[in-house]
Amino acid sequence: AHPDPSLSSLFAKENLARMSEEQLNRYDRLINEPSNDWDIYYWATEAKPTPAEFDTDVMAMLREFAKNRNREQRLRQPDLEYLFEAPR
């Protein structure tokens, strides 16, 4: 299972249309060549250094996307469960 299928799929949705053919080829290689999906996730979130052969402009875009995505998740409103507590 992919650790965060939404990371690469949302990245693709937002970025593929404006990528050059060379970038699309690098993206295709990035998502298909590593044997472990976790590797891509770790590289994107900078938990592990990206190997030189995958450390391209596309990987930099994915890293930036992961940072922005984490920021968005942190900025989400907290659940308003307290609104549904029984009055005291």
Protein backbone atom coordinates (compact mmCIF):
# COMPACT_ATOMS: atom_id res chain seq x y z
CA ALA A 1 0.00 0.00 0.00
CA HIS A 2 1.15 3.51 -0.74
CA PRO A 3 1.89 5.45 2.46
CA ASP A 4 0.08 8.55 1.26
CA PRO A 5 -1.62 7.91 -2.07
CA SER A 6 -3.07 11.38 -1.94
CA LEU A 7 0.38 12.99 -1.93
CA SER A 8 1.45 11.80 -5.37
CA SER A 9 -2.05 11.79 -6.86
CA LEU A 10 -2.83 15.34 -5.69
CA PHE A 11 0.62 16.46 -6.83
CA ALA A 12 -0.06 14.92 -10.24
CA LYS A 13 -3.49 16.53 -10.47
CA GLU A 14 -2.08 19.97 -9.69
CA ASN A 15 1.17 19.81 -11.62
CA LEU A 16 1.18 17.39 -14.57
CA ALA A 17 -0.68 19.74 -16.92
CA ARG A 18 2.03 22.40 -16.67
CA MET A 19 5.05 20.11 -16.78
CA SER A 20 7.32 19.78 -19.81
CA GLU A 21 7.71 16.46 -21.59
CA GLU A 22 11.14 16.03 -19.93
CA GLN A 23 9.61 16.67 -16.51
CA LEU A 24 6.81 14.21 -17.21
CA ASN A 25 9.43 11.61 -18.11
CA ARG A 26 11.31 12.31 -14.86
CA TYR A 27 8.05 12.10 -12.89
CA ASP A 28 7.17 8.80 -14.58
CA ARG A 29 10.60 7.44 -13.70
CA LEU A 30 10.30 8.69 -10.12
CA ILE A 31 6.98 6.99 -9.45
CA ASN A 32 7.84 3.77 -11.31
CA GLU A 33 11.51 3.00 -10.70
CA PRO A 34 11.96 2.97 -6.92
CA SER A 35 10.97 -0.47 -5.67
CA ASN A 36 9.32 0.94 -2.56
CA ASP A 37 6.61 3.62 -2.49
CA TRP A 38 7.73 4.51 1.03
CA ASP A 39 11.05 5.71 -0.43
CA ILE A 40 9.28 8.38 -2.49
CA TYR A 41 7.27 9.45 0.54
CA TYR A 42 10.40 9.69 2.72
CA TRP A 43 12.24 11.68 0.05
CA ALA A 44 9.27 14.01 -0.49
CA THR A 45 8.92 14.69 3.23
CA GLU A 46 12.73 14.88 3.63
CA ALA A 47 12.72 12.08 6.18
CA LYS A 48 15.48 10.51 4.06
CA PRO A 49 17.86 12.11 1.55
CA THR A 50 16.90 11.66 -2.09
CA PRO A 51 19.40 9.59 -4.11
CA ALA A 52 21.19 11.66 -6.77
CA GLU A 53 19.51 9.88 -9.69
CA PHE A 54 16.06 10.95 -8.44
CA ASP A 55 17.02 14.36 -7.07
CA THR A 56 15.62 16.35 -9.98
CA ASP A 57 13.53 19.48 -10.45
CA VAL A 58 10.46 17.22 -10.28
CA MET A 59 11.55 15.85 -6.89
CA ALA A 60 12.06 19.43 -5.71
CA MET A 61 8.49 20.23 -6.83
CA LEU A 62 7.18 17.18 -4.97
CA ARG A 63 9.09 18.19 -1.82
CA GLU A 64 7.65 21.70 -2.01
CA PHE A 65 4.17 20.24 -2.56
CA ALA A 66 4.58 17.97 0.49
CA LYS A 67 5.60 20.97 2.62
CA ASN A 68 2.59 23.00 1.49
CA ARG A 69 0.30 20.02 2.01
CA ASN A 70 1.56 19.56 5.57
CA ARG A 71 1.02 23.25 6.21
CA GLU A 72 -2.56 23.01 4.90
CA GLN A 73 -3.25 20.04 7.14
CA ARG A 74 -1.90 21.91 10.16
CA LEU A 75 -4.06 24.92 9.31
CA ARG A 76 -7.27 22.92 9.09
CA GLN A 77 -9.84 23.91 11.65
CA PRO A 78 -9.93 21.67 14.73
CA ASP A 79 -12.94 19.45 15.05
CA LEU A 80 -15.77 21.29 16.74
CA GLU A 81 -16.82 18.37 18.90
CA TYR A 82 -17.28 20.65 21.90
CA LEU A 83 -20.30 22.19 20.15
CA PHE A 84 -22.09 18.87 20.49
CA GLU A 85 -21.40 18.27 24.16
CA ALA A 86 -24.45 18.10 26.37
CA PRO A 87 -25.02 21.38 28.25
CA ARG A 88 -24.02 21.23 31.92
